Protein backbone atom coordinates (compact mmCIF):
# COMPACT_ATOMS: atom_id res chain seq x y z
CA MET A 1 -39.93 53.16 -8.84
CA THR A 2 -41.12 53.30 -12.41
CA VAL A 3 -40.11 51.07 -15.29
CA LEU A 4 -38.27 53.98 -16.94
CA GLN A 5 -36.16 54.52 -13.82
CA VAL A 6 -35.26 50.83 -13.66
CA VAL A 7 -34.28 50.78 -17.34
CA ILE A 8 -32.08 53.87 -16.95
CA LEU A 9 -30.46 52.42 -13.81
CA VAL A 10 -29.63 49.22 -15.69
CA LEU A 11 -28.18 51.24 -18.57
CA VAL A 12 -26.07 53.31 -16.15
CA ALA A 13 -24.78 50.13 -14.51
CA GLY A 14 -23.91 48.69 -17.92
CA GLY A 15 -22.26 51.94 -18.99
CA GLY A 16 -20.11 52.05 -15.85
CA THR A 17 -19.05 48.47 -16.41
CA ALA A 18 -18.20 49.25 -20.03
CA VAL A 19 -16.00 52.18 -18.99
CA VAL A 20 -14.07 49.99 -16.55
CA ALA A 21 -13.80 47.06 -18.98
CA THR A 22 -12.47 49.14 -21.89
CA ARG A 23 -8.69 48.88 -22.18
CA ASP A 24 -7.86 51.46 -24.87
CA PRO A 25 -7.65 54.97 -23.34
CA LEU A 26 -9.19 56.64 -26.40
CA ARG A 27 -12.20 54.35 -26.39
CA GLN A 28 -12.40 54.65 -22.61
CA ALA A 29 -12.71 58.44 -22.94
CA MET A 30 -15.57 57.98 -25.41
CA MET A 31 -17.27 55.49 -23.09
CA ALA A 32 -16.86 57.93 -20.19
CA SER A 33 -18.64 60.56 -22.28
CA PHE A 34 -21.47 58.13 -23.04
CA PHE A 35 -21.63 57.25 -19.33
CA GLY A 36 -21.92 60.96 -18.47
CA ILE A 37 -24.85 61.30 -20.84
CA LEU A 38 -26.53 58.28 -19.26
CA LEU A 39 -26.05 59.80 -15.81
CA ALA A 40 -27.54 63.08 -17.01
CA ILE A 41 -30.58 61.22 -18.32
CA LEU A 42 -30.88 59.40 -15.00
CA PHE A 43 -30.77 62.67 -13.06
CA PHE A 44 -33.38 64.15 -15.38
CA VAL A 45 -35.67 61.14 -14.91
CA LEU A 46 -35.21 61.46 -11.14
CA GLN A 47 -36.42 65.08 -11.46
CA ALA A 48 -33.10 66.84 -10.83
CA PRO A 49 -32.66 68.92 -13.99
CA ASP A 50 -30.05 71.24 -12.45
CA VAL A 51 -27.85 68.28 -11.55
CA ALA A 52 -28.44 66.83 -15.03
CA LEU A 53 -27.23 70.03 -16.69
CA SER A 54 -24.12 70.06 -14.50
CA GLU A 55 -23.46 66.41 -15.35
CA ILE A 56 -23.72 67.13 -19.07
CA VAL A 57 -21.13 69.88 -18.79
CA VAL A 58 -18.72 67.99 -16.54
CA GLY A 59 -19.29 64.31 -17.28
CA ALA A 60 -20.08 64.38 -20.97
CA VAL A 61 -17.92 67.28 -22.17
CA ALA A 62 -15.17 68.51 -19.81
CA LEU A 63 -13.83 65.21 -18.46
CA PRO A 64 -13.55 63.40 -21.83
CA LEU A 65 -12.05 66.53 -23.38
CA MET A 66 -9.35 66.66 -20.69
CA ILE A 67 -8.62 62.96 -21.17
CA LEU A 68 -8.35 63.36 -24.96
CA LEU A 69 -6.07 66.39 -24.63
CA SER A 70 -3.86 64.49 -22.18
CA LEU A 71 -3.66 61.53 -24.54
CA ALA A 72 -2.71 63.80 -27.43
CA LYS A 73 0.02 65.42 -25.34
CA VAL A 74 1.44 62.07 -24.17
CA ARG A 75 1.27 60.44 -27.58
CA GLY A 76 2.72 63.54 -29.24
CA GLY A 77 5.74 63.44 -26.95
CA GLN A 78 6.51 59.83 -27.88
CA ARG A 79 7.14 60.60 -31.55
């Protein structure tokens, strides 16, 4: 295991912890997007570029977008 792989694994572990520790749903969606980007970088470093591209689409774009749209719908109904 190379030094780069270890550094990325530590960053992914820290990113996952940050997502769980964040209490505000809006900030949590942003942290989930950042976590998806970190996972994509990890997959790329582990020589799985096809999985990395899929992770970018799903983890960094689609999931946070769905969370943000859900938050807008819920918060819009409260007013």
